[in-house]
N, C-alpha and C. Protein backbone atom coordinates (compact mmCIF):
# COMPACT_ATOMS: atom_id res chain seq x y z
N MET A 1 16.36 -7.38 -6.26
CA MET A 1 15.13 -8.17 -5.42
C MET A 1 15.42 -10.13 -6.14
N PRO A 2 15.92 -10.12 -4.47
CA PRO A 2 15.65 -11.89 -4.67
C PRO A 2 14.38 -12.37 -5.10
N VAL A 3 13.44 -11.55 -4.31
CA VAL A 3 11.81 -12.43 -4.81
C VAL A 3 11.71 -12.44 -6.58
N PHE A 4 12.39 -11.95 -7.47
CA PHE A 4 12.04 -11.52 -9.06
C PHE A 4 13.43 -12.76 -9.79
N SER A 5 14.19 -13.09 -8.98
CA SER A 5 15.30 -13.52 -9.13
C SER A 5 14.65 -14.20 -10.79
N GLY A 6 15.02 -14.87 -11.67
CA GLY A 6 14.66 -15.60 -12.04
C GLY A 6 13.45 -15.29 -13.40
N GLU A 7 13.36 -14.25 -13.56
CA GLU A 7 12.38 -13.26 -14.36
C GLU A 7 12.35 -12.50 -15.09
N VAL A 8 11.84 -12.63 -16.39
CA VAL A 8 12.35 -11.47 -17.59
C VAL A 8 11.81 -10.23 -16.67
N GLU A 9 10.78 -9.98 -16.64
CA GLU A 9 10.42 -8.79 -15.86
C GLU A 9 10.46 -8.40 -14.64
N ASN A 10 12.02 -8.35 -14.40
CA ASN A 10 12.50 -8.43 -13.07
C ASN A 10 12.28 -6.85 -12.50
N TYR A 11 12.63 -6.73 -11.22
CA TYR A 11 13.23 -5.55 -10.56
C TYR A 11 13.61 -4.31 -10.91
N ASP A 12 14.63 -4.80 -11.73
CA ASP A 12 15.51 -3.63 -13.09
C ASP A 12 14.60 -3.23 -14.10
N TYR A 13 13.55 -4.06 -14.67
CA TYR A 13 12.33 -3.69 -15.92
C TYR A 13 11.39 -2.72 -14.95
N LEU A 14 11.10 -3.46 -13.50
CA LEU A 14 9.92 -2.48 -13.13
C LEU A 14 9.99 -1.30 -12.46
N LEU A 15 11.69 -1.20 -12.14
CA LEU A 15 12.11 0.27 -11.94
C LEU A 15 11.67 1.34 -13.24
N ALA A 16 12.93 0.47 -14.64
CA ALA A 16 12.50 1.50 -15.76
C ALA A 16 11.12 2.05 -15.73
N ILE A 17 10.20 0.97 -15.92
CA ILE A 17 9.37 1.64 -16.08
C ILE A 17 8.69 2.41 -14.81
N GLU A 18 8.60 2.34 -13.69
CA GLU A 18 8.69 3.42 -12.77
C GLU A 18 9.49 4.13 -12.83
N GLU A 19 10.36 5.16 -13.25
CA GLU A 19 10.93 5.93 -13.81
C GLU A 19 10.88 6.69 -14.53
N SER A 20 10.21 5.97 -15.54
CA SER A 20 9.87 6.78 -16.78
C SER A 20 8.38 7.63 -16.76
N ALA A 21 8.39 7.82 -15.35
CA ALA A 21 6.90 8.70 -15.03
C ALA A 21 5.63 8.62 -16.27
N LEU A 22 5.55 7.60 -16.34
CA LEU A 22 4.63 6.80 -17.17
C LEU A 22 2.79 8.13 -17.07
N ALA A 23 2.64 8.85 -17.70
CA ALA A 23 1.25 9.95 -17.52
C ALA A 23 0.22 8.98 -16.90
N GLY A 24 -0.36 9.54 -15.93
CA GLY A 24 -1.71 8.61 -15.43
C GLY A 24 -1.61 7.53 -14.93
N PHE A 25 -0.43 7.68 -14.16
CA PHE A 25 -0.08 6.07 -13.24
C PHE A 25 0.92 6.72 -12.14
N SER A 26 -0.32 5.70 -10.82
CA SER A 26 1.14 5.90 -10.03
C SER A 26 1.85 4.48 -9.17
N PHE A 27 2.74 4.51 -9.08
CA PHE A 27 3.35 3.36 -9.09
C PHE A 27 3.94 2.74 -7.46
N ARG A 28 3.21 1.69 -6.94
CA ARG A 28 4.31 1.01 -5.72
C ARG A 28 4.09 -0.57 -5.40
N TYR A 29 4.69 -0.51 -4.55
CA TYR A 29 5.24 -2.21 -4.11
C TYR A 29 4.03 -2.23 -2.67
N LEU A 30 3.66 -3.76 -3.34
CA LEU A 30 2.73 -4.44 -2.09
C LEU A 30 3.94 -5.31 -1.58
N THR A 31 4.44 -5.37 -0.50
CA THR A 31 5.82 -6.27 -0.04
C THR A 31 5.65 -6.36 1.36
N VAL A 32 6.16 -7.95 1.68
CA VAL A 32 5.88 -8.62 3.24
C VAL A 32 7.52 -8.80 3.82
N TRP A 33 7.66 -8.42 4.81
CA TRP A 33 8.87 -8.22 5.31
C TRP A 33 8.74 -9.24 6.46
N SER A 34 10.14 -10.07 6.98
CA SER A 34 10.24 -10.84 8.04
C SER A 34 11.36 -10.11 8.83
N GLY A 35 11.13 -8.77 9.56
CA GLY A 35 12.86 -8.69 10.16
C GLY A 35 13.12 -7.95 8.63
N ASN A 36 14.27 -7.98 8.31
CA ASN A 36 14.70 -6.91 7.55
C ASN A 36 15.32 -8.27 6.32
N THR A 37 14.03 -9.25 5.88
CA THR A 37 14.44 -10.50 4.59
C THR A 37 12.81 -9.86 4.00
N LEU A 38 12.95 -9.48 2.97
CA LEU A 38 11.36 -9.57 2.19
C LEU A 38 11.57 -10.78 1.94
N GLN A 39 9.92 -11.17 2.13
CA GLN A 39 9.38 -12.55 2.11
C GLN A 39 8.62 -12.52 0.62
N ALA A 40 8.04 -11.34 0.44
CA ALA A 40 7.15 -11.60 -0.71
C ALA A 40 7.08 -9.87 -1.52
N ALA A 41 6.60 -9.76 -2.39
CA ALA A 41 6.73 -8.44 -3.18
C ALA A 41 5.62 -8.23 -4.75
N THR A 42 4.92 -7.67 -4.84
CA THR A 42 4.66 -7.73 -6.12
C THR A 42 3.93 -5.94 -6.60
N PRO A 43 4.21 -5.70 -8.23
CA PRO A 43 3.87 -4.08 -8.16
C PRO A 43 2.64 -3.76 -8.20
N MET A 44 2.48 -2.41 -7.90
CA MET A 44 0.83 -2.41 -8.40
C MET A 44 0.92 -0.88 -8.76
N PHE A 45 -0.23 -0.73 -9.23
CA PHE A 45 -0.54 0.72 -9.78
C PHE A 45 -1.70 1.29 -9.19
N LEU A 46 -1.45 2.81 -9.29
CA LEU A 46 -3.04 3.28 -9.55
C LEU A 46 -3.44 3.89 -10.57
N THR A 47 -4.60 4.21 -11.54
CA THR A 47 -4.80 5.24 -12.04
C THR A 47 -6.44 5.14 -12.12
N HIS A 48 -7.05 6.08 -13.17
CA HIS A 48 -8.22 6.42 -13.17
C HIS A 48 -8.72 5.84 -14.71
N TYR A 49 -9.96 4.91 -14.53
CA TYR A 49 -10.03 3.91 -15.34
C TYR A 49 -11.70 4.11 -16.26
N SER A 50 -11.19 4.52 -17.54
CA SER A 50 -12.36 4.80 -18.00
C SER A 50 -13.27 3.58 -18.05
N LEU A 51 -14.29 3.44 -17.77
CA LEU A 51 -15.75 2.50 -17.92
C LEU A 51 -15.94 2.04 -19.28
N ASP A 52 -15.94 2.86 -20.18
CA ASP A 52 -16.09 2.64 -21.38
C ASP A 52 -15.09 1.82 -22.43
N THR A 53 -14.08 1.38 -21.99
CA THR A 53 -12.56 0.98 -22.68
C THR A 53 -12.74 0.05 -23.33
N THR A 54 -13.70 -1.02 -23.27
CA THR A 54 -13.84 -1.83 -24.37
C THR A 54 -15.01 -1.63 -24.96
N VAL A 55 -15.86 -0.58 -24.74
CA VAL A 55 -17.40 -0.40 -25.91
C VAL A 55 -16.82 0.33 -27.01
N ARG A 56 -17.52 -0.53 -28.20
CA ARG A 56 -17.22 -0.13 -29.10
C ARG A 56 -18.14 -0.11 -30.01
N GLY A 57 -18.32 0.77 -31.22
CA GLY A 57 -19.21 0.94 -32.71
C GLY A 57 -20.21 2.02 -31.66
N ALA A 58 -21.94 1.82 -32.00
CA ALA A 58 -22.66 2.39 -31.79
C ALA A 58 -22.56 2.93 -30.41
N GLY A 59 -22.06 2.10 -29.13
CA GLY A 59 -22.45 2.12 -27.40
C GLY A 59 -20.98 3.65 -27.68
N ARG A 60 -19.71 3.00 -28.32
CA ARG A 60 -18.80 4.10 -27.91
C ARG A 60 -19.60 5.54 -28.08
N LYS A 61 -19.62 5.57 -29.51
CA LYS A 61 -20.37 6.78 -29.66
C LYS A 61 -21.39 7.47 -28.88
N LEU A 62 -22.04 6.81 -27.92
CA LEU A 62 -22.80 7.55 -26.66
C LEU A 62 -22.06 7.95 -25.62
N THR A 63 -21.21 6.82 -25.31
CA THR A 63 -20.53 6.88 -24.15
C THR A 63 -19.57 8.36 -24.35
N THR A 64 -18.90 8.80 -25.13
CA THR A 64 -18.41 9.67 -25.96
C THR A 64 -18.93 10.79 -25.75
N ARG A 65 -20.73 10.54 -25.83
CA ARG A 65 -21.53 12.06 -25.68
C ARG A 65 -21.54 12.31 -24.48
N ILE A 66 -21.54 11.31 -23.45
CA ILE A 66 -21.54 11.45 -22.19
C ILE A 66 -20.99 11.58 -21.65
N LYS A 67 -19.67 11.27 -22.11
CA LYS A 67 -18.29 11.85 -21.33
C LYS A 67 -18.14 13.46 -21.26
N SER A 68 -18.59 13.88 -22.56
CA SER A 68 -17.77 15.10 -23.59
C SER A 68 -19.40 16.41 -22.40
N ALA A 69 -20.24 15.71 -21.65
CA ALA A 69 -21.03 16.57 -20.71
C ALA A 69 -20.75 16.11 -19.62
N PHE A 70 -20.31 15.00 -18.91
CA PHE A 70 -20.24 14.52 -17.77
C PHE A 70 -18.36 13.99 -17.66
N PRO A 71 -17.53 14.60 -17.74
CA PRO A 71 -16.10 14.02 -17.78
C PRO A 71 -15.77 13.21 -16.66
N LYS A 72 -16.34 12.87 -15.84
CA LYS A 72 -15.80 12.05 -14.72
C LYS A 72 -16.98 11.07 -14.33
N LEU A 73 -18.07 10.96 -14.92
CA LEU A 73 -19.19 10.17 -14.78
C LEU A 73 -19.06 8.44 -14.79
N LEU A 74 -18.46 8.08 -15.89
CA LEU A 74 -18.19 7.16 -16.33
C LEU A 74 -16.26 6.73 -15.76
N THR A 75 -15.47 7.13 -15.22
CA THR A 75 -14.39 7.04 -14.77
C THR A 75 -14.46 6.62 -13.56
N LEU A 76 -13.93 5.72 -12.48
CA LEU A 76 -13.50 4.90 -11.64
C LEU A 76 -11.75 5.10 -11.13
N LYS A 77 -11.72 5.36 -10.06
CA LYS A 77 -9.99 4.94 -9.32
C LYS A 77 -10.04 3.88 -9.22
N LEU A 78 -8.92 3.44 -10.19
CA LEU A 78 -8.25 1.74 -10.02
C LEU A 78 -7.26 1.60 -9.65
N ALA A 79 -7.17 0.45 -7.97
CA ALA A 79 -5.95 0.06 -7.82
C ALA A 79 -5.84 -1.08 -8.37
N CYS A 80 -4.77 -1.42 -8.92
CA CYS A 80 -4.34 -2.73 -10.05
C CYS A 80 -2.99 -3.32 -8.85
N ILE A 81 -2.72 -4.69 -9.05
CA ILE A 81 -1.70 -5.44 -8.53
C ILE A 81 -1.29 -6.06 -9.97
N GLY A 82 -0.14 -6.11 -10.18
CA GLY A 82 0.95 -6.04 -11.32
C GLY A 82 1.24 -4.69 -12.06
N SER A 83 1.54 -4.69 -13.35
CA SER A 83 1.81 -3.47 -14.13
C SER A 83 1.47 -3.04 -15.49
N PRO A 84 1.23 -2.15 -15.67
CA PRO A 84 0.27 -1.43 -17.08
C PRO A 84 1.52 -1.81 -18.16
N CYS A 85 2.47 -2.24 -17.41
CA CYS A 85 3.72 -2.22 -18.95
C CYS A 85 4.44 -4.04 -18.83
N THR A 86 3.82 -4.79 -18.46
CA THR A 86 4.27 -6.06 -17.80
C THR A 86 3.57 -7.08 -18.78
N GLU A 87 3.98 -8.26 -19.60
CA GLU A 87 2.78 -9.26 -19.63
C GLU A 87 2.03 -10.35 -18.92
N CYS A 88 3.11 -10.29 -17.81
CA CYS A 88 2.77 -10.89 -16.21
C CYS A 88 2.54 -10.38 -15.08
N GLY A 89 1.68 -10.61 -14.04
CA GLY A 89 1.30 -9.97 -13.13
C GLY A 89 2.02 -11.22 -11.98
N VAL A 90 3.18 -11.03 -11.96
CA VAL A 90 4.11 -11.27 -10.77
C VAL A 90 4.04 -10.96 -9.66
N ILE A 91 4.13 -12.08 -8.76
CA ILE A 91 3.99 -12.05 -7.41
C ILE A 91 5.28 -12.88 -6.88
N GLY A 92 6.25 -11.97 -7.00
CA GLY A 92 7.45 -12.72 -6.56
C GLY A 92 7.91 -13.13 -4.74
N PHE A 93 8.46 -14.80 -4.52
CA PHE A 93 8.32 -15.04 -3.13
C PHE A 93 9.87 -14.95 -2.73
N HIS A 94 10.55 -15.20 -1.37
CA HIS A 94 11.91 -15.51 -1.36
C HIS A 94 11.82 -17.08 -1.70
N PRO A 95 13.48 -17.21 -2.19
CA PRO A 95 13.39 -18.43 -2.54
C PRO A 95 13.50 -19.84 -1.87
N GLN A 96 13.28 -19.33 -0.53
CA GLN A 96 13.38 -20.52 0.51
C GLN A 96 11.85 -20.60 1.06
N LEU A 97 11.08 -19.74 0.59
CA LEU A 97 9.45 -20.01 1.17
C LEU A 97 9.25 -21.23 0.46
N LYS A 98 8.30 -22.25 1.31
CA LYS A 98 7.47 -23.63 0.68
C LYS A 98 5.98 -22.82 0.07
N GLU A 99 6.12 -23.83 -1.05
CA GLU A 99 4.45 -23.52 -1.16
C GLU A 99 2.90 -22.97 -0.27
N GLN A 100 3.23 -23.73 1.29
CA GLN A 100 1.87 -23.89 1.50
C GLN A 100 1.91 -22.21 1.98
N GLU A 101 3.66 -21.31 2.66
CA GLU A 101 3.40 -20.31 3.55
C GLU A 101 3.65 -19.08 2.27
N GLU A 102 3.72 -19.64 0.74
CA GLU A 102 3.79 -18.52 -0.32
C GLU A 102 1.99 -18.19 -0.18
N ARG A 103 1.13 -19.48 0.16
CA ARG A 103 -0.07 -19.53 -0.42
C ARG A 103 -0.84 -18.55 0.57
N ALA A 104 0.23 -18.66 2.09
CA ALA A 104 -0.64 -17.79 3.32
C ALA A 104 -0.05 -16.59 3.10
N LEU A 105 0.82 -15.97 2.33
CA LEU A 105 1.30 -14.90 2.27
C LEU A 105 0.41 -13.96 1.20
N ILE A 106 -0.01 -14.55 0.09
CA ILE A 106 -1.13 -14.17 -0.64
C ILE A 106 -1.95 -13.83 0.06
N ALA A 107 -2.99 -14.55 0.56
CA ALA A 107 -3.67 -14.18 1.30
C ALA A 107 -3.71 -13.15 1.93
N GLU A 108 -2.70 -12.82 3.15
CA GLU A 108 -2.95 -11.35 4.04
C GLU A 108 -2.21 -10.22 3.06
N MET A 109 -0.84 -11.02 1.79
CA MET A 109 -1.17 -9.44 0.54
C MET A 109 -2.65 -8.93 0.10
N LEU A 110 -3.57 -9.97 -0.44
CA LEU A 110 -4.58 -8.97 -0.63
C LEU A 110 -5.77 -8.22 0.28
N ILE A 111 -5.34 -8.80 1.34
CA ILE A 111 -6.07 -7.81 2.64
C ILE A 111 -5.52 -6.72 2.67
N CYS A 112 -4.15 -6.87 2.39
CA CYS A 112 -3.78 -5.42 2.82
C CYS A 112 -3.83 -4.63 1.01
N PHE A 113 -4.05 -5.00 0.18
CA PHE A 113 -3.93 -4.79 -0.90
C PHE A 113 -5.41 -3.77 -0.71
N GLU A 114 -6.02 -4.85 -0.63
CA GLU A 114 -7.66 -4.20 0.03
C GLU A 114 -8.06 -2.74 0.54
N THR A 115 -7.15 -3.39 1.80
CA THR A 115 -7.14 -2.35 2.59
C THR A 115 -6.67 -0.48 2.21
N ASP A 116 -5.58 -0.58 1.57
CA ASP A 116 -4.59 0.59 1.17
C ASP A 116 -5.46 0.93 -0.14
N ALA A 117 -6.35 0.17 -0.93
CA ALA A 117 -7.09 0.61 -2.02
C ALA A 117 -8.23 1.61 -1.64
N GLN A 118 -8.81 1.13 -0.68
CA GLN A 118 -9.74 1.81 0.18
C GLN A 118 -9.25 3.47 0.99
N SER A 119 -8.16 3.15 1.35
CA SER A 119 -7.60 4.45 1.82
C SER A 119 -7.40 5.24 0.62
N GLN A 120 -7.04 4.89 -0.54
CA GLN A 120 -6.92 5.53 -1.45
C GLN A 120 -8.36 6.11 -2.27
N SER A 121 -9.60 5.35 -1.87
CA SER A 121 -10.43 5.96 -2.49
C SER A 121 -10.82 5.42 -4.04
N CYS A 122 -10.31 4.03 -4.24
CA CYS A 122 -10.67 3.13 -5.02
C CYS A 122 -11.18 2.58 -5.28
N TYR A 123 -12.62 2.73 -5.66
CA TYR A 123 -13.81 1.41 -6.22
C TYR A 123 -13.30 0.68 -7.52
N LEU A 124 -12.95 0.20 -7.78
CA LEU A 124 -12.35 -0.69 -8.57
C LEU A 124 -10.79 -0.92 -8.24
N LEU A 125 -10.83 -2.93 -8.40
CA LEU A 125 -9.63 -3.10 -7.67
C LEU A 125 -9.69 -4.36 -8.95
N GLY A 126 -8.20 -4.88 -9.06
CA GLY A 126 -7.92 -5.55 -10.14
C GLY A 126 -6.46 -6.03 -9.64
N ILE A 127 -6.01 -7.53 -10.42
CA ILE A 127 -5.14 -8.19 -10.49
C ILE A 127 -4.99 -8.40 -11.88
N LYS A 128 -4.19 -7.90 -12.65
CA LYS A 128 -3.52 -8.07 -13.80
C LYS A 128 -2.53 -9.25 -14.19
N ASP A 129 -3.44 -10.10 -15.09
CA ASP A 129 -2.32 -10.64 -16.82
C ASP A 129 -1.32 -11.80 -15.25
N ILE A 130 -2.39 -12.75 -14.52
CA ILE A 130 -1.90 -13.70 -13.59
C ILE A 130 -1.20 -14.90 -14.51
N PRO A 131 0.11 -15.34 -14.43
CA PRO A 131 0.53 -16.15 -15.32
C PRO A 131 -0.46 -17.78 -14.96
N GLU A 132 -1.12 -18.91 -16.03
CA GLU A 132 -1.79 -19.81 -16.01
C GLU A 132 -1.25 -20.61 -15.14
N PRO A 133 0.02 -20.98 -14.26
CA PRO A 133 0.38 -22.14 -13.60
C PRO A 133 0.24 -21.57 -11.95
N PHE A 134 0.39 -20.39 -11.87
CA PHE A 134 0.30 -19.70 -10.78
C PHE A 134 -1.21 -19.44 -10.39
N GLN A 135 -2.07 -18.94 -11.43
CA GLN A 135 -3.38 -19.11 -11.25
C GLN A 135 -4.20 -19.83 -11.00
N ARG A 136 -3.51 -21.83 -11.54
CA ARG A 136 -4.35 -22.65 -11.20
C ARG A 136 -3.89 -23.33 -9.61
N ARG A 137 -2.64 -22.49 -9.36
CA ARG A 137 -2.22 -23.03 -7.66
C ARG A 137 -2.60 -22.37 -6.65
N SER A 138 -3.13 -21.12 -7.41
CA SER A 138 -3.38 -20.21 -5.94
C SER A 138 -4.74 -19.47 -6.18
N ASP A 139 -5.70 -20.00 -6.96
CA ASP A 139 -6.83 -19.55 -7.76
C ASP A 139 -8.19 -19.28 -6.18
N ASP A 140 -7.79 -20.42 -5.33
CA ASP A 140 -8.95 -20.32 -4.29
C ASP A 140 -8.77 -19.49 -3.39
N ARG A 141 -7.32 -18.67 -3.44
CA ARG A 141 -7.11 -17.66 -2.42
C ARG A 141 -7.61 -16.15 -3.09
N PHE A 142 -7.66 -16.15 -4.51
CA PHE A 142 -8.28 -15.24 -4.90
C PHE A 142 -10.18 -15.02 -4.65
N GLN A 143 -10.47 -16.32 -5.36
CA GLN A 143 -12.25 -16.34 -4.95
C GLN A 143 -12.46 -16.36 -3.62
N ASN A 144 -11.63 -16.39 -2.20
CA ASN A 144 -11.82 -16.58 -1.30
C ASN A 144 -12.23 -15.20 -0.46
N VAL A 145 -11.41 -13.68 -1.78
CA VAL A 145 -11.83 -12.36 -1.11
C VAL A 145 -12.34 -12.00 -2.66
N LYS A 146 -13.16 -12.45 -3.27
CA LYS A 146 -14.56 -12.68 -4.32
C LYS A 146 -13.40 -11.40 -5.03
N PHE A 147 -12.47 -12.17 -5.89
CA PHE A 147 -12.17 -11.92 -7.29
C PHE A 147 -12.63 -12.95 -8.33
N SER A 148 -13.28 -12.24 -9.35
CA SER A 148 -13.99 -13.16 -10.34
C SER A 148 -12.81 -13.13 -11.63
N THR A 149 -12.50 -14.58 -12.26
CA THR A 149 -11.65 -14.31 -13.48
C THR A 149 -12.49 -13.94 -14.54
N VAL A 150 -11.38 -13.67 -15.34
CA VAL A 150 -11.99 -12.71 -16.76
C VAL A 150 -10.69 -13.71 -17.41
N ALA A 151 -11.43 -14.57 -18.49
CA ALA A 151 -10.34 -15.28 -19.39
C ALA A 151 -9.43 -13.95 -20.26
N GLY A 152 -8.14 -14.77 -20.54
CA GLY A 152 -6.84 -13.54 -21.26
C GLY A 152 -6.95 -14.33 -22.61
N MET A 153 -5.60 -13.59 -23.61
CA MET A 153 -5.87 -14.33 -24.59
C MET A 153 -5.05 -15.85 -24.79
N PRO A 154 -5.63 -16.67 -25.58
CA PRO A 154 -5.15 -17.89 -25.72
C PRO A 154 -3.51 -17.99 -26.07
N THR A 155 -2.99 -18.49 -25.36
CA THR A 155 -1.63 -19.15 -25.44
C THR A 155 -0.71 -20.39 -25.76
N ALA A 156 0.38 -20.63 -26.64
CA ALA A 156 0.78 -21.90 -26.60
C ALA A 156 2.31 -21.56 -25.96
N SER A 157 2.66 -22.92 -26.01
CA SER A 157 4.06 -23.38 -25.46
C SER A 157 5.03 -23.82 -26.34
N LEU A 158 6.07 -23.63 -26.82
CA LEU A 158 7.29 -24.18 -27.52
C LEU A 158 8.36 -24.52 -26.77
N ASP A 159 8.85 -25.67 -26.57
CA ASP A 159 10.73 -25.96 -26.43
C ASP A 159 11.38 -25.66 -27.12
N ILE A 160 12.20 -25.21 -26.49
CA ILE A 160 13.54 -24.75 -26.80
C ILE A 160 14.08 -25.36 -27.21
N ASP A 161 13.98 -26.03 -28.45
CA ASP A 161 14.80 -26.67 -29.66
C ASP A 161 15.51 -26.19 -30.28
N PHE A 162 15.59 -25.10 -30.69
CA PHE A 162 16.16 -24.74 -31.76
C PHE A 162 17.61 -23.36 -31.20
N THR A 163 18.00 -23.41 -32.29
CA THR A 163 20.00 -22.73 -32.14
C THR A 163 19.65 -21.06 -32.49
N SER A 164 18.61 -20.82 -33.03
CA SER A 164 18.19 -19.39 -32.99
C SER A 164 16.67 -18.64 -33.47
N ILE A 165 16.64 -17.50 -33.35
CA ILE A 165 15.05 -17.21 -33.39
C ILE A 165 14.25 -17.28 -34.53
N ASP A 166 15.38 -17.17 -35.70
CA ASP A 166 15.03 -17.46 -36.93
C ASP A 166 15.02 -19.00 -37.96
N ASN A 167 15.61 -19.68 -36.91
CA ASN A 167 15.11 -21.15 -37.32
C ASN A 167 13.62 -21.68 -35.71
N SER A 168 13.60 -20.66 -35.57
CA SER A 168 12.33 -20.87 -34.38
C SER A 168 11.10 -20.59 -35.19
N LYS A 169 10.87 -20.00 -36.17
CA LYS A 169 9.82 -19.41 -36.35
C LYS A 169 8.82 -20.20 -37.25
N PRO A 170 9.52 -21.49 -38.14
CA PRO A 170 8.87 -22.17 -38.82
C PRO A 170 7.83 -22.82 -37.73
N ALA A 171 8.60 -23.61 -36.77
CA ALA A 171 7.84 -24.44 -35.71
C ALA A 171 6.86 -24.07 -35.03
N LEU A 172 7.13 -22.56 -34.73
CA LEU A 172 6.39 -21.66 -33.72
C LEU A 172 4.87 -21.67 -34.88
N PHE A 173 4.73 -21.20 -35.68
CA PHE A 173 3.60 -20.88 -36.83
C PHE A 173 3.23 -22.32 -36.71
N GLN A 174 4.20 -23.51 -37.09
CA GLN A 174 2.82 -24.36 -36.68
C GLN A 174 2.59 -24.99 -35.61
N HIS A 175 2.73 -24.75 -34.69
CA HIS A 175 2.10 -24.96 -33.45
C HIS A 175 1.46 -24.08 -33.18
N THR A 176 1.33 -22.87 -33.22
CA THR A 176 0.34 -22.20 -32.99
C THR A 176 -1.08 -22.33 -34.18
N GLN A 177 -0.77 -22.90 -35.00
CA GLN A 177 -1.89 -22.95 -35.88
C GLN A 177 -2.51 -23.94 -35.14
N ARG A 178 -1.85 -25.49 -34.83
CA ARG A 178 -2.89 -26.33 -33.98
C ARG A 178 -3.35 -25.72 -33.25
N GLN A 179 -3.00 -24.87 -32.04
CA GLN A 179 -3.62 -24.40 -30.84
C GLN A 179 -4.61 -23.81 -31.35
N ALA A 180 -4.45 -23.18 -32.47
CA ALA A 180 -5.40 -22.15 -32.56
C ALA A 180 -7.19 -22.35 -32.35
N PRO A 181 -7.48 -23.32 -32.93
CA PRO A 181 -8.44 -24.60 -33.40
C PRO A 181 -9.23 -24.78 -31.89
N GLN A 182 -8.27 -25.71 -31.06
CA GLN A 182 -8.92 -25.61 -29.92
C GLN A 182 -9.05 -24.47 -28.98
N ALA A 183 -8.26 -23.75 -29.17
CA ALA A 183 -8.60 -22.40 -27.89
C ALA A 183 -9.87 -21.43 -29.09
N ALA A 184 -9.83 -21.42 -29.84
CA ALA A 184 -11.28 -20.76 -30.45
C ALA A 184 -12.76 -22.05 -29.72
N LEU A 185 -12.51 -23.00 -29.73
CA LEU A 185 -13.42 -23.67 -29.08
C LEU A 185 -13.66 -24.01 -27.91
N VAL A 186 -12.63 -23.91 -27.01
CA VAL A 186 -12.67 -24.33 -25.57
C VAL A 186 -12.60 -22.62 -24.85
N GLY A 187 -11.77 -21.70 -25.21
CA GLY A 187 -11.27 -20.53 -24.85
C GLY A 187 -10.43 -19.95 -24.00
N SER A 188 -10.01 -19.60 -23.52
CA SER A 188 -8.97 -19.79 -22.40
C SER A 188 -8.67 -18.89 -21.18
N SER A 189 -7.88 -19.25 -20.26
CA SER A 189 -7.65 -18.60 -18.94
C SER A 189 -6.48 -18.17 -18.75
N ALA A 190 -5.88 -18.48 -19.82
CA ALA A 190 -4.32 -18.74 -19.82
C ALA A 190 -3.70 -17.71 -18.76
N SER A 191 -3.91 -16.23 -18.85
CA SER A 191 -3.75 -14.84 -18.23
C SER A 191 -4.98 -13.96 -17.66
N GLY A 192 -4.91 -14.86 -16.32
CA GLY A 192 -6.21 -14.25 -15.65
C GLY A 192 -6.35 -12.84 -15.13
N ILE A 193 -7.59 -12.19 -15.35
CA ILE A 193 -7.06 -10.90 -15.16
C ILE A 193 -8.61 -10.63 -13.78
N TYR A 194 -8.35 -10.27 -12.61
CA TYR A 194 -9.39 -10.51 -11.84
C TYR A 194 -9.41 -9.18 -11.73
N ASN A 195 -10.62 -8.73 -11.01
CA ASN A 195 -11.56 -7.56 -11.26
C ASN A 195 -12.71 -7.70 -10.11
N GLN A 196 -12.75 -6.86 -9.26
CA GLN A 196 -13.69 -6.72 -7.98
C GLN A 196 -14.08 -5.35 -7.53
N TYR A 197 -15.46 -5.25 -7.25
CA TYR A 197 -15.57 -3.83 -6.69
C TYR A 197 -15.67 -3.79 -5.27
N GLN A 198 -15.35 -2.59 -5.08
CA GLN A 198 -14.86 -2.58 -3.50
C GLN A 198 -16.11 -2.79 -2.38
N ARG A 199 -15.81 -3.59 -1.52
CA ARG A 199 -16.26 -4.06 -0.42
C ARG A 199 -17.07 -2.81 0.11
N PRO A 200 -18.06 -3.00 0.99
CA PRO A 200 -18.77 -1.84 1.77
C PRO A 200 -17.80 -1.20 3.14
N ARG A 201 -18.17 -0.35 2.90
CA ARG A 201 -16.93 0.64 4.11
C ARG A 201 -16.58 -0.41 5.73
N GLY A 202 -15.75 -0.19 6.63
CA GLY A 202 -15.85 -0.89 7.51
C GLY A 202 -15.33 -2.00 7.44
N GLY A 203 -14.68 -2.61 6.49
CA GLY A 203 -14.46 -3.64 6.55
C GLY A 203 -12.76 -4.17 7.31
N ASN A 204 -11.75 -4.79 6.52
CA ASN A 204 -10.82 -5.44 7.33
C ASN A 204 -9.88 -3.62 7.89
N ASN A 205 -9.26 -4.03 9.13
CA ASN A 205 -8.68 -2.60 8.75
C ASN A 205 -7.20 -3.07 8.95
N GLY A 206 -6.59 -4.02 8.55
CA GLY A 206 -4.99 -3.98 8.02
C GLY A 206 -4.49 -3.25 7.66
N SER A 207 -3.09 -2.85 7.49
CA SER A 207 -2.16 -2.41 6.81
C SER A 207 -1.18 -2.59 6.45
N LEU A 208 -0.80 -1.81 5.53
CA LEU A 208 0.57 -2.22 4.62
C LEU A 208 1.53 -2.75 5.24
N PRO A 209 2.28 -3.92 5.15
CA PRO A 209 3.59 -3.95 5.85
C PRO A 209 4.36 -3.09 6.00
């Protein structure tokens, strides 16, 4: 797919995940076409999400007892843009599109995403691991449809000025040590995760392209 050119986690990688038949996940793509030309695409998946996934300690023991008595009570069907097996939630665009055109397509894709999720009875919606540069550029598009940001893990960047992986390790260790105190103080939205509960029924009647 030309829309994923230059990405490490490209179409071949996504296809390998899809063909692995990962239990509990249904894979699909959200695409936008102009005639026979693919303009934009992003992976998405459906799964059943346990609401106590991040609960620990005594709270976890309580939810485990509840789930043993009522197995479906704390589980919602989730529709999510991205992949459960990638580091970045990539929305790929045709290389000839301008930034303004990309932003317009994002808005259309989110409407179609929500409509499709409703048709699949998904009451929990998410967008997983949006890269920081893309998030800064397009955050208003997500907020316009009432997605909210949840901060991800702190990240650090390192210039590629080394000749081998072994030579990179000392510099990487020093760099992450300098970054860690700052991240602890100010937090990070380096890889945003957006989530949203479903809007009331009877909303937009759009459909997937």
